[in-house]
Amino acid sequence: MIEQGAGFTVLVFVSLTLLFSIINTHKSGAHLMLGFIITGFALCLGHLLRAWRNGDLDPKFKYFILAQTVLLTLLCIIANIYFWQ
């Protein structure tokens, strides 16, 4: 349940960040690039989560995935602050 909640939260943050980067492209092209980079990190995290659910990863990767989830969420928050500054 916690894993699905964290996944949904990250999905919402990444989706909103990509949307806001597209909206604010007229200010700077760097906003769009940052949105695509964050989306790339989210896709990598999704691949790790899928491998974790299938049992293909060692259990010690659980903390790495959790840390990456938290850092990606913080990166989305910082990017949104940067976009709306």
C-alpha atoms as a PDB file:
ATOM      1  CA  MET A   1       0.000   0.000   0.000  1.00  0.00           C
ATOM      2  CA  ILE A   2       2.837   2.413   0.861  1.00  0.00           C
ATOM      3  CA  GLU A   3       4.635   1.542  -2.382  1.00  0.00           C
ATOM      4  CA  GLN A   4       1.559   2.328  -4.468  1.00  0.00           C
ATOM      5  CA  GLY A   5       0.965   5.573  -2.573  1.00  0.00           C
ATOM      6  CA  ALA A   6       4.554   6.667  -3.100  1.00  0.00           C
ATOM      7  CA  GLY A   7       4.355   5.728  -6.775  1.00  0.00           C
ATOM      8  CA  PHE A   8       1.157   7.725  -7.230  1.00  0.00           C
ATOM      9  CA  THR A   9       2.654  10.741  -5.454  1.00  0.00           C
ATOM     10  CA  VAL A  10       5.746  10.682  -7.650  1.00  0.00           C
ATOM     11  CA  LEU A  11       3.583  10.262 -10.757  1.00  0.00           C
ATOM     12  CA  VAL A  12       1.511  13.329  -9.818  1.00  0.00           C
ATOM     13  CA  PHE A  13       4.586  15.453  -9.074  1.00  0.00           C
ATOM     14  CA  VAL A  14       6.360  14.438 -12.288  1.00  0.00           C
ATOM     15  CA  SER A  15       3.249  14.965 -14.417  1.00  0.00           C
ATOM     16  CA  LEU A  16       2.642  18.424 -12.980  1.00  0.00           C
ATOM     17  CA  THR A  17       6.303  19.351 -13.354  1.00  0.00           C
ATOM     18  CA  LEU A  18       6.322  18.295 -17.016  1.00  0.00           C
ATOM     19  CA  LEU A  19       3.085  20.200 -17.625  1.00  0.00           C
ATOM     20  CA  PHE A  20       4.408  23.343 -15.936  1.00  0.00           C
ATOM     21  CA  SER A  21       7.701  23.092 -17.837  1.00  0.00           C
ATOM     22  CA  ILE A  22       5.766  23.018 -21.107  1.00  0.00           C
ATOM     23  CA  ILE A  23       3.611  25.971 -20.010  1.00  0.00           C
ATOM     24  CA  ASN A  24       6.665  28.033 -18.997  1.00  0.00           C
ATOM     25  CA  THR A  25       8.720  27.270 -22.104  1.00  0.00           C
ATOM     26  CA  HIS A  26       8.221  30.826 -23.366  1.00  0.00           C
ATOM     27  CA  LYS A  27      10.380  32.099 -20.478  1.00  0.00           C
ATOM     28  CA  SER A  28      13.314  29.796 -21.156  1.00  0.00           C
ATOM     29  CA  GLY A  29      14.024  26.631 -23.104  1.00  0.00           C
ATOM     30  CA  ALA A  30      15.822  25.313 -20.036  1.00  0.00           C
ATOM     31  CA  HIS A  31      12.436  24.788 -18.371  1.00  0.00           C
ATOM     32  CA  LEU A  32      11.410  22.309 -21.057  1.00  0.00           C
ATOM     33  CA  MET A  33      14.738  20.505 -20.869  1.00  0.00           C
ATOM     34  CA  LEU A  34      14.463  20.215 -17.076  1.00  0.00           C
ATOM     35  CA  GLY A  35      10.969  18.770 -17.457  1.00  0.00           C
ATOM     36  CA  PHE A  36      12.237  16.112 -19.874  1.00  0.00           C
ATOM     37  CA  ILE A  37      15.172  15.244 -17.612  1.00  0.00           C
ATOM     38  CA  ILE A  38      12.861  14.782 -14.623  1.00  0.00           C
ATOM     39  CA  THR A  39      10.622  12.580 -16.767  1.00  0.00           C
ATOM     40  CA  GLY A  40      13.668  10.490 -17.701  1.00  0.00           C
ATOM     41  CA  PHE A  41      14.545  10.010 -14.037  1.00  0.00           C
ATOM     42  CA  ALA A  42      10.950   8.987 -13.347  1.00  0.00           C
ATOM     43  CA  LEU A  43      11.072   6.399 -16.137  1.00  0.00           C
ATOM     44  CA  CYS A  44      14.275   4.939 -14.646  1.00  0.00           C
ATOM     45  CA  LEU A  45      12.633   4.777 -11.237  1.00  0.00           C
ATOM     46  CA  GLY A  46       9.605   3.066 -12.767  1.00  0.00           C
ATOM     47  CA  HIS A  47      11.865   0.452 -14.334  1.00  0.00           C
ATOM     48  CA  LEU A  48      13.546  -0.182 -10.968  1.00  0.00           C
ATOM     49  CA  LEU A  49      10.164  -0.519  -9.260  1.00  0.00           C
ATOM     50  CA  ARG A  50       8.969  -2.978 -11.887  1.00  0.00           C
ATOM     51  CA  ALA A  51      12.116  -5.090 -11.414  1.00  0.00           C
ATOM     52  CA  TRP A  52      11.650  -4.919  -7.622  1.00  0.00           C
ATOM     53  CA  ARG A  53       8.058  -6.166  -7.896  1.00  0.00           C
ATOM     54  CA  ASN A  54       9.147  -9.042 -10.148  1.00  0.00           C
ATOM     55  CA  GLY A  55      11.817 -10.062  -7.616  1.00  0.00           C
ATOM     56  CA  ASP A  56      14.721  -9.456  -9.999  1.00  0.00           C
ATOM     57  CA  LEU A  57      16.558  -7.097  -7.618  1.00  0.00           C
ATOM     58  CA  ASP A  58      18.474  -7.824  -4.451  1.00  0.00           C
ATOM     59  CA  PRO A  59      16.598  -6.718  -1.288  1.00  0.00           C
ATOM     60  CA  LYS A  60      19.310  -4.172  -0.476  1.00  0.00           C
ATOM     61  CA  PHE A  61      18.069  -2.042  -3.408  1.00  0.00           C
ATOM     62  CA  LYS A  62      14.916  -1.240  -1.418  1.00  0.00           C
ATOM     63  CA  TYR A  63      16.619   1.685   0.315  1.00  0.00           C
ATOM     64  CA  PHE A  64      18.104   2.938  -2.961  1.00  0.00           C
ATOM     65  CA  ILE A  65      14.650   2.970  -4.559  1.00  0.00           C
ATOM     66  CA  LEU A  66      13.167   4.734  -1.538  1.00  0.00           C
ATOM     67  CA  ALA A  67      15.927   7.355  -1.580  1.00  0.00           C
ATOM     68  CA  GLN A  68      15.496   7.918  -5.301  1.00  0.00           C
ATOM     69  CA  THR A  69      11.734   8.340  -4.812  1.00  0.00           C
ATOM     70  CA  VAL A  70      12.256  10.989  -2.137  1.00  0.00           C
ATOM     71  CA  LEU A  71      14.924  12.798  -4.162  1.00  0.00           C
ATOM     72  CA  LEU A  72      12.801  12.800  -7.311  1.00  0.00           C
ATOM     73  CA  THR A  73       9.898  14.286  -5.373  1.00  0.00           C
ATOM     74  CA  LEU A  74      12.168  16.991  -3.941  1.00  0.00           C
ATOM     75  CA  LEU A  75      13.583  17.670  -7.412  1.00  0.00           C
ATOM     76  CA  CYS A  76      10.053  18.184  -8.739  1.00  0.00           C
ATOM     77  CA  ILE A  77       9.258  20.609  -5.916  1.00  0.00           C
ATOM     78  CA  ILE A  78      12.457  22.591  -6.541  1.00  0.00           C
ATOM     79  CA  ALA A  79      11.786  22.647 -10.305  1.00  0.00           C
ATOM     80  CA  ASN A  80       8.263  23.995  -9.736  1.00  0.00           C
ATOM     81  CA  ILE A  81       9.630  26.713  -7.477  1.00  0.00           C
ATOM     82  CA  TYR A  82      12.139  27.558 -10.205  1.00  0.00           C
ATOM     83  CA  PHE A  83       9.433  27.624 -12.900  1.00  0.00           C
ATOM     84  CA  TRP A  84       7.114  29.955 -10.983  1.00  0.00           C
ATOM     85  CA  GLN A  85       9.816  32.258  -9.590  1.00  0.00           C
END
